[in-house]
Amino acid sequence: MPIDYFGERMKAVRKSKRLTQLDLAKRLNVSKGTVSSYEQGLSYPTLETFVKLCTILDTSSDYLLGISDNLPFKMGGLTDAQMESVLQFISVIEQANDIIENQNRQTGD
């Protein structure tokens, strides 16, 4: 899996932890724009920040980097397949919201 999935996985895990970009940025001691940039795949964290990110999100570096599809945490007793579906669903919703926001900006709504 290419590193392009890093941002999507990071965003999905962040949302599953009910953290906003601002919440995560404060805990990482970076700007909200930096977190957004990570999630969009425009930039990547330093190694030090990446280690903090894994700790804060309580997830493995292997998962975020796409080396493994195994999540190291459980969400409400869901199976691994159900957790992956939930994370994918969150990602799809976010992508749809981004499209809608872009369309609204273009039409001036």
PDB file of N, CA and C in Angstrom:
ATOM      1  N   MET A   1       0.854  -1.181   0.000  1.00  0.00           N
ATOM      2  CA  MET A   1       0.000   0.000   0.000  1.00  0.00           C
ATOM      3  C   MET A   1       0.891   1.232   0.000  1.00  0.00           C
ATOM      4  N   PRO A   2       0.666   2.162  -0.880  1.00  0.00           N
ATOM      5  CA  PRO A   2       1.507   3.355  -0.908  1.00  0.00           C
ATOM      6  C   PRO A   2       1.296   4.239   0.315  1.00  0.00           C
ATOM      7  N   ILE A   3       2.252   5.106   0.582  1.00  0.00           N
ATOM      8  CA  ILE A   3       2.165   6.011   1.727  1.00  0.00           C
ATOM      9  C   ILE A   3       1.019   7.000   1.567  1.00  0.00           C
ATOM     10  N   ASP A   4       0.446   7.082   0.374  1.00  0.00           N
ATOM     11  CA  ASP A   4      -0.692   7.971   0.138  1.00  0.00           C
ATOM     12  C   ASP A   4      -1.848   7.686   1.099  1.00  0.00           C
ATOM     13  N   TYR A   5      -1.907   6.485   1.614  1.00  0.00           N
ATOM     14  CA  TYR A   5      -2.986   6.122   2.530  1.00  0.00           C
ATOM     15  C   TYR A   5      -2.737   6.624   3.941  1.00  0.00           C
ATOM     16  N   PHE A   6      -1.547   7.117   4.207  1.00  0.00           N
ATOM     17  CA  PHE A   6      -1.211   7.604   5.543  1.00  0.00           C
ATOM     18  C   PHE A   6      -2.219   8.643   6.019  1.00  0.00           C
ATOM     19  N   GLY A   7      -2.467   9.656   5.198  1.00  0.00           N
ATOM     20  CA  GLY A   7      -3.373  10.729   5.587  1.00  0.00           C
ATOM     21  C   GLY A   7      -4.790  10.256   5.847  1.00  0.00           C
ATOM     22  N   GLU A   8      -5.277   9.381   4.983  1.00  0.00           N
ATOM     23  CA  GLU A   8      -6.633   8.844   5.159  1.00  0.00           C
ATOM     24  C   GLU A   8      -6.738   8.047   6.448  1.00  0.00           C
ATOM     25  N   ARG A   9      -5.730   7.214   6.695  1.00  0.00           N
ATOM     26  CA  ARG A   9      -5.753   6.400   7.921  1.00  0.00           C
ATOM     27  C   ARG A   9      -5.620   7.275   9.158  1.00  0.00           C
ATOM     28  N   MET A  10      -4.740   8.245   9.084  1.00  0.00           N
ATOM     29  CA  MET A  10      -4.555   9.144  10.220  1.00  0.00           C
ATOM     30  C   MET A  10      -5.865   9.859  10.542  1.00  0.00           C
ATOM     31  N   LYS A  11      -6.522  10.377   9.508  1.00  0.00           N
ATOM     32  CA  LYS A  11      -7.784  11.098   9.693  1.00  0.00           C
ATOM     33  C   LYS A  11      -8.856  10.182  10.281  1.00  0.00           C
ATOM     34  N   ALA A  12      -8.972   8.984   9.754  1.00  0.00           N
ATOM     35  CA  ALA A  12     -10.001   8.056  10.228  1.00  0.00           C
ATOM     36  C   ALA A  12      -9.772   7.670  11.689  1.00  0.00           C
ATOM     37  N   VAL A  13      -8.522   7.409  12.051  1.00  0.00           N
ATOM     38  CA  VAL A  13      -8.231   7.055  13.447  1.00  0.00           C
ATOM     39  C   VAL A  13      -8.459   8.263  14.349  1.00  0.00           C
ATOM     40  N   ARG A  14      -8.036   9.447  13.891  1.00  0.00           N
ATOM     41  CA  ARG A  14      -8.274  10.666  14.678  1.00  0.00           C
ATOM     42  C   ARG A  14      -9.754  10.846  14.959  1.00  0.00           C
ATOM     43  N   LYS A  15     -10.568  10.684  13.923  1.00  0.00           N
ATOM     44  CA  LYS A  15     -12.015  10.854  14.087  1.00  0.00           C
ATOM     45  C   LYS A  15     -12.602   9.772  14.997  1.00  0.00           C
ATOM     46  N   SER A  16     -12.087   8.553  14.891  1.00  0.00           N
ATOM     47  CA  SER A  16     -12.592   7.481  15.755  1.00  0.00           C
ATOM     48  C   SER A  16     -12.279   7.755  17.223  1.00  0.00           C
ATOM     49  N   LYS A  17     -11.254   8.561  17.461  1.00  0.00           N
ATOM     50  CA  LYS A  17     -10.872   8.962  18.827  1.00  0.00           C
ATOM     51  C   LYS A  17     -11.589  10.243  19.242  1.00  0.00           C
ATOM     52  N   ARG A  18     -12.443  10.750  18.369  1.00  0.00           N
ATOM     53  CA  ARG A  18     -13.219  11.973  18.604  1.00  0.00           C
ATOM     54  C   ARG A  18     -12.323  13.182  18.866  1.00  0.00           C
ATOM     55  N   LEU A  19     -11.253  13.263  18.099  1.00  0.00           N
ATOM     56  CA  LEU A  19     -10.355  14.411  18.168  1.00  0.00           C
ATOM     57  C   LEU A  19     -10.550  15.266  16.928  1.00  0.00           C
ATOM     58  N   THR A  20     -10.583  16.573  17.111  1.00  0.00           N
ATOM     59  CA  THR A  20     -10.595  17.469  15.962  1.00  0.00           C
ATOM     60  C   THR A  20      -9.151  17.659  15.501  1.00  0.00           C
ATOM     61  N   GLN A  21      -8.994  18.256  14.336  1.00  0.00           N
ATOM     62  CA  GLN A  21      -7.640  18.572  13.881  1.00  0.00           C
ATOM     63  C   GLN A  21      -6.956  19.504  14.877  1.00  0.00           C
ATOM     64  N   LEU A  22      -7.708  20.449  15.418  1.00  0.00           N
ATOM     65  CA  LEU A  22      -7.144  21.390  16.383  1.00  0.00           C
ATOM     66  C   LEU A  22      -6.722  20.672  17.664  1.00  0.00           C
ATOM     67  N   ASP A  23      -7.567  19.755  18.167  1.00  0.00           N
ATOM     68  CA  ASP A  23      -7.213  18.979  19.353  1.00  0.00           C
ATOM     69  C   ASP A  23      -5.885  18.247  19.141  1.00  0.00           C
ATOM     70  N   LEU A  24      -5.795  17.571  18.001  1.00  0.00           N
ATOM     71  CA  LEU A  24      -4.588  16.801  17.703  1.00  0.00           C
ATOM     72  C   LEU A  24      -3.386  17.725  17.524  1.00  0.00           C
ATOM     73  N   ALA A  25      -3.585  18.842  16.861  1.00  0.00           N
ATOM     74  CA  ALA A  25      -2.497  19.793  16.648  1.00  0.00           C
ATOM     75  C   ALA A  25      -1.930  20.280  17.978  1.00  0.00           C
ATOM     76  N   LYS A  26      -2.805  20.614  18.916  1.00  0.00           N
ATOM     77  CA  LYS A  26      -2.354  21.079  20.234  1.00  0.00           C
ATOM     78  C   LYS A  26      -1.536  20.011  20.941  1.00  0.00           C
ATOM     79  N   ARG A  27      -2.002  18.766  20.865  1.00  0.00           N
ATOM     80  CA  ARG A  27      -1.287  17.674  21.538  1.00  0.00           C
ATOM     81  C   ARG A  27       0.046  17.360  20.868  1.00  0.00           C
ATOM     82  N   LEU A  28       0.126  17.597  19.558  1.00  0.00           N
ATOM     83  CA  LEU A  28       1.375  17.362  18.827  1.00  0.00           C
ATOM     84  C   LEU A  28       2.298  18.575  18.863  1.00  0.00           C
ATOM     85  N   ASN A  29       1.763  19.718  19.348  1.00  0.00           N
ATOM     86  CA  ASN A  29       2.504  20.984  19.360  1.00  0.00           C
ATOM     87  C   ASN A  29       2.855  21.438  17.942  1.00  0.00           C
ATOM     88  N   VAL A  30       1.850  21.315  17.044  1.00  0.00           N
ATOM     89  CA  VAL A  30       1.967  21.806  15.671  1.00  0.00           C
ATOM     90  C   VAL A  30       0.704  22.606  15.363  1.00  0.00           C
ATOM     91  N   SER A  31       0.649  23.229  14.212  1.00  0.00           N
ATOM     92  CA  SER A  31      -0.537  24.005  13.844  1.00  0.00           C
ATOM     93  C   SER A  31      -1.635  23.088  13.289  1.00  0.00           C
ATOM     94  N   LYS A  32      -2.861  23.603  13.305  1.00  0.00           N
ATOM     95  CA  LYS A  32      -3.977  22.868  12.716  1.00  0.00           C
ATOM     96  C   LYS A  32      -3.722  22.648  11.231  1.00  0.00           C
ATOM     97  N   GLY A  33      -3.137  23.648  10.570  1.00  0.00           N
ATOM     98  CA  GLY A  33      -2.805  23.531   9.153  1.00  0.00           C
ATOM     99  C   GLY A  33      -1.821  22.400   8.879  1.00  0.00           C
ATOM    100  N   THR A  34      -0.907  22.176   9.815  1.00  0.00           N
ATOM    101  CA  THR A  34       0.054  21.084   9.661  1.00  0.00           C
ATOM    102  C   THR A  34      -0.659  19.741   9.710  1.00  0.00           C
ATOM    103  N   VAL A  35      -1.588  19.581  10.659  1.00  0.00           N
ATOM    104  CA  VAL A  35      -2.361  18.340  10.744  1.00  0.00           C
ATOM    105  C   VAL A  35      -3.163  18.150   9.464  1.00  0.00           C
ATOM    106  N   SER A  36      -3.787  19.201   8.993  1.00  0.00           N
ATOM    107  CA  SER A  36      -4.553  19.137   7.749  1.00  0.00           C
ATOM    108  C   SER A  36      -3.652  18.713   6.587  1.00  0.00           C
ATOM    109  N   SER A  37      -2.462  19.262   6.553  1.00  0.00           N
ATOM    110  CA  SER A  37      -1.502  18.928   5.505  1.00  0.00           C
ATOM    111  C   SER A  37      -1.110  17.450   5.547  1.00  0.00           C
ATOM    112  N   TYR A  38      -0.930  16.908   6.752  1.00  0.00           N
ATOM    113  CA  TYR A  38      -0.638  15.481   6.893  1.00  0.00           C
ATOM    114  C   TYR A  38      -1.796  14.652   6.335  1.00  0.00           C
ATOM    115  N   GLU A  39      -3.018  15.048   6.710  1.00  0.00           N
ATOM    116  CA  GLU A  39      -4.192  14.271   6.309  1.00  0.00           C
ATOM    117  C   GLU A  39      -4.452  14.354   4.806  1.00  0.00           C
ATOM    118  N   GLN A  40      -4.046  15.428   4.183  1.00  0.00           N
ATOM    119  CA  GLN A  40      -4.221  15.578   2.737  1.00  0.00           C
ATOM    120  C   GLN A  40      -3.055  14.986   1.950  1.00  0.00           C
ATOM    121  N   GLY A  41      -2.041  14.512   2.653  1.00  0.00           N
ATOM    122  CA  GLY A  41      -0.885  13.935   1.986  1.00  0.00           C
ATOM    123  C   GLY A  41       0.032  14.970   1.356  1.00  0.00           C
ATOM    124  N   LEU A  42      -0.075  16.213   1.805  1.00  0.00           N
ATOM    125  CA  LEU A  42       0.764  17.286   1.266  1.00  0.00           C
ATOM    126  C   LEU A  42       2.131  17.332   1.943  1.00  0.00           C
ATOM    127  N   SER A  43       2.182  16.835   3.180  1.00  0.00           N
ATOM    128  CA  SER A  43       3.444  16.736   3.910  1.00  0.00           C
ATOM    129  C   SER A  43       3.331  15.588   4.909  1.00  0.00           C
ATOM    130  N   TYR A  44       4.466  15.262   5.496  1.00  0.00           N
ATOM    131  CA  TYR A  44       4.514  14.155   6.447  1.00  0.00           C
ATOM    132  C   TYR A  44       5.230  14.610   7.706  1.00  0.00           C
ATOM    133  N   PRO A  45       4.866  14.021   8.847  1.00  0.00           N
ATOM    134  CA  PRO A  45       5.488  14.445  10.100  1.00  0.00           C
ATOM    135  C   PRO A  45       6.951  14.005  10.187  1.00  0.00           C
ATOM    136  N   THR A  46       7.689  14.722  11.033  1.00  0.00           N
ATOM    137  CA  THR A  46       9.036  14.281  11.354  1.00  0.00           C
ATOM    138  C   THR A  46       8.919  12.968  12.122  1.00  0.00           C
ATOM    139  N   LEU A  47      10.014  12.282  12.263  1.00  0.00           N
ATOM    140  CA  LEU A  47       9.996  11.019  12.997  1.00  0.00           C
ATOM    141  C   LEU A  47       9.540  11.227  14.435  1.00  0.00           C
ATOM    142  N   GLU A  48      10.026  12.287  15.068  1.00  0.00           N
ATOM    143  CA  GLU A  48       9.633  12.581  16.443  1.00  0.00           C
ATOM    144  C   GLU A  48       8.124  12.830  16.543  1.00  0.00           C
ATOM    145  N   THR A  49       7.584  13.627  15.626  1.00  0.00           N
ATOM    146  CA  THR A  49       6.148  13.920  15.618  1.00  0.00           C
ATOM    147  C   THR A  49       5.348  12.664  15.292  1.00  0.00           C
ATOM    148  N   PHE A  50       5.866  11.835  14.394  1.00  0.00           N
ATOM    149  CA  PHE A  50       5.182  10.597  14.019  1.00  0.00           C
ATOM    150  C   PHE A  50       5.045   9.668  15.230  1.00  0.00           C
ATOM    151  N   VAL A  51       6.099   9.568  16.038  1.00  0.00           N
ATOM    152  CA  VAL A  51       6.042   8.732  17.243  1.00  0.00           C
ATOM    153  C   VAL A  51       4.986   9.274  18.203  1.00  0.00           C
ATOM    154  N   LYS A  52       4.948  10.610  18.391  1.00  0.00           N
ATOM    155  CA  LYS A  52       3.918  11.225  19.241  1.00  0.00           C
ATOM    156  C   LYS A  52       2.524  10.943  18.692  1.00  0.00           C
ATOM    157  N   LEU A  53       2.384  11.040  17.373  1.00  0.00           N
ATOM    158  CA  LEU A  53       1.104  10.813  16.717  1.00  0.00           C
ATOM    159  C   LEU A  53       0.590   9.402  17.005  1.00  0.00           C
ATOM    160  N   CYS A  54       1.457   8.425  16.865  1.00  0.00           N
ATOM    161  CA  CYS A  54       1.071   7.032  17.138  1.00  0.00           C
ATOM    162  C   CYS A  54       0.646   6.861  18.591  1.00  0.00           C
ATOM    163  N   THR A  55       1.360   7.519  19.498  1.00  0.00           N
ATOM    164  CA  THR A  55       1.035   7.425  20.923  1.00  0.00           C
ATOM    165  C   THR A  55      -0.303   8.086  21.219  1.00  0.00           C
ATOM    166  N   ILE A  56      -0.497   9.290  20.711  1.00  0.00           N
ATOM    167  CA  ILE A  56      -1.745  10.023  20.959  1.00  0.00           C
ATOM    168  C   ILE A  56      -2.946   9.275  20.377  1.00  0.00           C
ATOM    169  N   LEU A  57      -2.797   8.751  19.167  1.00  0.00           N
ATOM    170  CA  LEU A  57      -3.905   8.041  18.516  1.00  0.00           C
ATOM    171  C   LEU A  57      -4.020   6.593  18.975  1.00  0.00           C
ATOM    172  N   ASP A  58      -3.057   6.148  19.770  1.00  0.00           N
ATOM    173  CA  ASP A  58      -3.038   4.779  20.277  1.00  0.00           C
ATOM    174  C   ASP A  58      -3.160   3.777  19.127  1.00  0.00           C
ATOM    175  N   THR A  59      -2.321   3.990  18.125  1.00  0.00           N
ATOM    176  CA  THR A  59      -2.308   3.110  16.970  1.00  0.00           C
ATOM    177  C   THR A  59      -0.866   2.811  16.593  1.00  0.00           C
ATOM    178  N   SER A  60      -0.672   1.843  15.754  1.00  0.00           N
ATOM    179  CA  SER A  60       0.689   1.450  15.390  1.00  0.00           C
ATOM    180  C   SER A  60       1.184   2.225  14.179  1.00  0.00           C
ATOM    181  N   SER A  61       2.485   2.382  14.123  1.00  0.00           N
ATOM    182  CA  SER A  61       3.096   3.012  12.960  1.00  0.00           C
ATOM    183  C   SER A  61       2.854   2.154  11.726  1.00  0.00           C
ATOM    184  N   ASP A  62       2.859   0.840  11.894  1.00  0.00           N
ATOM    185  CA  ASP A  62       2.607  -0.065  10.773  1.00  0.00           C
ATOM    186  C   ASP A  62       1.242   0.181  10.161  1.00  0.00           C
ATOM    187  N   TYR A  63       0.242   0.430  11.011  1.00  0.00           N
ATOM    188  CA  TYR A  63      -1.102   0.675  10.488  1.00  0.00           C
ATOM    189  C   TYR A  63      -1.137   1.990   9.705  1.00  0.00           C
ATOM    190  N   LEU A  64      -0.592   3.061  10.306  1.00  0.00           N
ATOM    191  CA  LEU A  64      -0.636   4.363   9.643  1.00  0.00           C
ATOM    192  C   LEU A  64       0.154   4.371   8.334  1.00  0.00           C
ATOM    193  N   LEU A  65       1.228   3.604   8.280  1.00  0.00           N
ATOM    194  CA  LEU A  65       2.058   3.573   7.075  1.00  0.00           C
ATOM    195  C   LEU A  65       1.563   2.578   6.035  1.00  0.00           C
ATOM    196  N   GLY A  66       0.543   1.790   6.388  1.00  0.00           N
ATOM    197  CA  GLY A  66      -0.005   0.840   5.429  1.00  0.00           C
ATOM    198  C   GLY A  66       0.747  -0.472   5.375  1.00  0.00           C
ATOM    199  N   ILE A  67       1.657  -0.701   6.326  1.00  0.00           N
ATOM    200  CA  ILE A  67       2.398  -1.967   6.371  1.00  0.00           C
ATOM    201  C   ILE A  67       1.489  -3.077   6.867  1.00  0.00           C
ATOM    202  N   SER A  68       0.557  -2.711   7.742  1.00  0.00           N
ATOM    203  CA  SER A  68      -0.382  -3.669   8.320  1.00  0.00           C
ATOM    204  C   SER A  68      -1.789  -3.092   8.261  1.00  0.00           C
ATOM    205  N   ASP A  69      -2.760  -3.965   8.134  1.00  0.00           N
ATOM    206  CA  ASP A  69      -4.156  -3.542   8.182  1.00  0.00           C
ATOM    207  C   ASP A  69      -4.762  -3.790   9.556  1.00  0.00           C
ATOM    208  N   ASN A  70      -3.956  -4.236  10.500  1.00  0.00           N
ATOM    209  CA  ASN A  70      -4.441  -4.555  11.837  1.00  0.00           C
ATOM    210  C   ASN A  70      -4.436  -3.327  12.724  1.00  0.00           C
ATOM    211  N   LEU A  71      -5.596  -3.002  13.253  1.00  0.00           N
ATOM    212  CA  LEU A  71      -5.703  -1.892  14.195  1.00  0.00           C
ATOM    213  C   LEU A  71      -5.408  -2.427  15.598  1.00  0.00           C
ATOM    214  N   PRO A  72      -4.598  -1.701  16.382  1.00  0.00           N
ATOM    215  CA  PRO A  72      -4.246  -2.193  17.709  1.00  0.00           C
ATOM    216  C   PRO A  72      -5.263  -1.836  18.789  1.00  0.00           C
ATOM    217  N   PHE A  73      -6.406  -1.287  18.417  1.00  0.00           N
ATOM    218  CA  PHE A  73      -7.414  -0.947  19.405  1.00  0.00           C
ATOM    219  C   PHE A  73      -8.761  -1.515  18.977  1.00  0.00           C
ATOM    220  N   LYS A  74      -9.676  -1.602  19.917  1.00  0.00           N
ATOM    221  CA  LYS A  74     -11.014  -2.115  19.638  1.00  0.00           C
ATOM    222  C   LYS A  74     -12.025  -1.004  19.848  1.00  0.00           C
ATOM    223  N   MET A  75     -12.996  -0.939  18.973  1.00  0.00           N
ATOM    224  CA  MET A  75     -14.066   0.042  19.100  1.00  0.00           C
ATOM    225  C   MET A  75     -15.348  -0.705  19.460  1.00  0.00           C
ATOM    226  N   GLY A  76     -15.718  -0.635  20.706  1.00  0.00           N
ATOM    227  CA  GLY A  76     -16.984  -1.183  21.149  1.00  0.00           C
ATOM    228  C   GLY A  76     -17.220  -2.644  20.816  1.00  0.00           C
ATOM    229  N   GLY A  77     -16.200  -3.487  20.846  1.00  0.00           N
ATOM    230  CA  GLY A  77     -16.364  -4.910  20.609  1.00  0.00           C
ATOM    231  C   GLY A  77     -16.577  -5.289  19.156  1.00  0.00           C
ATOM    232  N   LEU A  78     -16.273  -4.395  18.226  1.00  0.00           N
ATOM    233  CA  LEU A  78     -16.430  -4.703  16.805  1.00  0.00           C
ATOM    234  C   LEU A  78     -15.334  -5.653  16.345  1.00  0.00           C
ATOM    235  N   THR A  79     -15.654  -6.436  15.343  1.00  0.00           N
ATOM    236  CA  THR A  79     -14.642  -7.298  14.752  1.00  0.00           C
ATOM    237  C   THR A  79     -13.681  -6.442  13.927  1.00  0.00           C
ATOM    238  N   ASP A  80     -12.546  -7.024  13.545  1.00  0.00           N
ATOM    239  CA  ASP A  80     -11.588  -6.289  12.721  1.00  0.00           C
ATOM    240  C   ASP A  80     -12.224  -5.823  11.410  1.00  0.00           C
ATOM    241  N   ALA A  81     -13.011  -6.684  10.801  1.00  0.00           N
ATOM    242  CA  ALA A  81     -13.661  -6.327   9.539  1.00  0.00           C
ATOM    243  C   ALA A  81     -14.650  -5.181   9.741  1.00  0.00           C
ATOM    244  N   GLN A  82     -15.386  -5.215  10.840  1.00  0.00           N
ATOM    245  CA  GLN A  82     -16.339  -4.146  11.127  1.00  0.00           C
ATOM    246  C   GLN A  82     -15.619  -2.833  11.406  1.00  0.00           C
ATOM    247  N   MET A  83     -14.499  -2.887  12.145  1.00  0.00           N
ATOM    248  CA  MET A  83     -13.725  -1.670  12.416  1.00  0.00           C
ATOM    249  C   MET A  83     -13.204  -1.064  11.123  1.00  0.00           C
ATOM    250  N   GLU A  84     -12.685  -1.900  10.241  1.00  0.00           N
ATOM    251  CA  GLU A  84     -12.168  -1.404   8.964  1.00  0.00           C
ATOM    252  C   GLU A  84     -13.295  -0.757   8.160  1.00  0.00           C
ATOM    253  N   SER A  85     -14.468  -1.376   8.188  1.00  0.00           N
ATOM    254  CA  SER A  85     -15.618  -0.792   7.488  1.00  0.00           C
ATOM    255  C   SER A  85     -15.994   0.560   8.064  1.00  0.00           C
ATOM    256  N   VAL A  86     -15.982   0.684   9.383  1.00  0.00           N
ATOM    257  CA  VAL A  86     -16.305   1.961  10.034  1.00  0.00           C
ATOM    258  C   VAL A  86     -15.298   3.021   9.624  1.00  0.00           C
ATOM    259  N   LEU A  87     -14.007   2.690   9.648  1.00  0.00           N
ATOM    260  CA  LEU A  87     -12.975   3.651   9.282  1.00  0.00           C
ATOM    261  C   LEU A  87     -13.080   4.050   7.815  1.00  0.00           C
ATOM    262  N   GLN A  88     -13.383   3.094   6.957  1.00  0.00           N
ATOM    263  CA  GLN A  88     -13.556   3.408   5.540  1.00  0.00           C
ATOM    264  C   GLN A  88     -14.776   4.297   5.333  1.00  0.00           C
ATOM    265  N   PHE A  89     -15.842   4.008   6.065  1.00  0.00           N
ATOM    266  CA  PHE A  89     -17.056   4.807   5.969  1.00  0.00           C
ATOM    267  C   PHE A  89     -16.782   6.251   6.389  1.00  0.00           C
ATOM    268  N   ILE A  90     -16.036   6.441   7.482  1.00  0.00           N
ATOM    269  CA  ILE A  90     -15.682   7.780   7.939  1.00  0.00           C
ATOM    270  C   ILE A  90     -14.903   8.503   6.858  1.00  0.00           C
ATOM    271  N   SER A  91     -13.974   7.802   6.242  1.00  0.00           N
ATOM    272  CA  SER A  91     -13.160   8.394   5.182  1.00  0.00           C
ATOM    273  C   SER A  91     -14.023   8.819   3.987  1.00  0.00           C
ATOM    274  N   VAL A  92     -14.980   7.977   3.593  1.00  0.00           N
ATOM    275  CA  VAL A  92     -15.865   8.294   2.471  1.00  0.00           C
ATOM    276  C   VAL A  92     -16.727   9.515   2.792  1.00  0.00           C
ATOM    277  N   ILE A  93     -17.237   9.584   4.000  1.00  0.00           N
ATOM    278  CA  ILE A  93     -18.057  10.730   4.407  1.00  0.00           C
ATOM    279  C   ILE A  93     -17.234  12.012   4.356  1.00  0.00           C
ATOM    280  N   GLU A  94     -15.993  11.941   4.853  1.00  0.00           N
ATOM    281  CA  GLU A  94     -15.127  13.117   4.816  1.00  0.00           C
ATOM    282  C   GLU A  94     -14.847  13.551   3.384  1.00  0.00           C
ATOM    283  N   GLN A  95     -14.611  12.611   2.493  1.00  0.00           N
ATOM    284  CA  GLN A  95     -14.364  12.940   1.096  1.00  0.00           C
ATOM    285  C   GLN A  95     -15.596  13.603   0.473  1.00  0.00           C
ATOM    286  N   ALA A  96     -16.772  13.076   0.803  1.00  0.00           N
ATOM    287  CA  ALA A  96     -18.015  13.660   0.287  1.00  0.00           C
ATOM    288  C   ALA A  96     -18.204  15.076   0.830  1.00  0.00           C
ATOM    289  N   ASN A  97     -17.902  15.263   2.113  1.00  0.00           N
ATOM    290  CA  ASN A  97     -18.017  16.604   2.702  1.00  0.00           C
ATOM    291  C   ASN A  97     -17.060  17.584   2.035  1.00  0.00           C
ATOM    292  N   ASP A  98     -15.850  17.121   1.734  1.00  0.00           N
ATOM    293  CA  ASP A  98     -14.883  17.979   1.044  1.00  0.00           C
ATOM    294  C   ASP A  98     -15.401  18.392  -0.327  1.00  0.00           C
ATOM    295  N   ILE A  99     -15.996  17.464  -1.052  1.00  0.00           N
ATOM    296  CA  ILE A  99     -16.551  17.759  -2.378  1.00  0.00           C
ATOM    297  C   ILE A  99     -17.669  18.792  -2.270  1.00  0.00           C
ATOM    298  N   ILE A 100     -18.545  18.598  -1.305  1.00  0.00           N
ATOM    299  CA  ILE A 100     -19.659  19.529  -1.103  1.00  0.00           C
ATOM    300  C   ILE A 100     -19.139  20.912  -0.731  1.00  0.00           C
ATOM    301  N   GLU A 101     -18.142  20.967   0.167  1.00  0.00           N
ATOM    302  CA  GLU A 101     -17.576  22.263   0.560  1.00  0.00           C
ATOM    303  C   GLU A 101     -16.938  22.966  -0.632  1.00  0.00           C
ATOM    304  N   ASN A 102     -16.226  22.217  -1.451  1.00  0.00           N
ATOM    305  CA  ASN A 102     -15.604  22.807  -2.641  1.00  0.00           C
ATOM    306  C   ASN A 102     -16.660  23.325  -3.616  1.00  0.00           C
ATOM    307  N   GLN A 103     -17.749  22.569  -3.787  1.00  0.00           N
ATOM    308  CA  GLN A 103     -18.821  23.001  -4.681  1.00  0.00           C
ATOM    309  C   GLN A 103     -19.483  24.261  -4.133  1.00  0.00           C
ATOM    310  N   ASN A 104     -19.673  24.316  -2.829  1.00  0.00           N
ATOM    311  CA  ASN A 104     -20.284  25.494  -2.205  1.00  0.00           C
ATOM    312  C   ASN A 104     -19.397  26.725  -2.364  1.00  0.00           C
ATOM    313  N   ARG A 105     -18.080  26.541  -2.251  1.00  0.00           N
ATOM    314  CA  ARG A 105     -17.159  27.654  -2.432  1.00  0.00           C
ATOM    315  C   ARG A 105     -17.207  28.185  -3.862  1.00  0.00           C
ATOM    316  N   GLN A 106     -17.329  27.255  -4.813  1.00  0.00           N
ATOM    317  CA  GLN A 106     -17.350  27.633  -6.220  1.00  0.00           C
ATOM    318  C   GLN A 106     -18.631  28.374  -6.602  1.00  0.00           C
ATOM    319  N   THR A 107     -19.741  27.968  -5.982  1.00  0.00           N
ATOM    320  CA  THR A 107     -21.022  28.605  -6.309  1.00  0.00           C
ATOM    321  C   THR A 107     -21.311  29.794  -5.398  1.00  0.00           C
ATOM    322  N   GLY A 108     -20.480  29.990  -4.377  1.00  0.00           N
ATOM    323  CA  GLY A 108     -20.666  31.127  -3.471  1.00  0.00           C
ATOM    324  C   GLY A 108     -21.711  30.908  -2.412  1.00  0.00           C
ATOM    325  N   ASP A 109     -22.093  29.658  -2.161  1.00  0.00           N
ATOM    326  CA  ASP A 109     -23.096  29.372  -1.109  1.00  0.00           C
ATOM    327  C   ASP A 109     -22.485  29.455   0.265  1.00  0.00           C
TER     328      ASP A 109
END
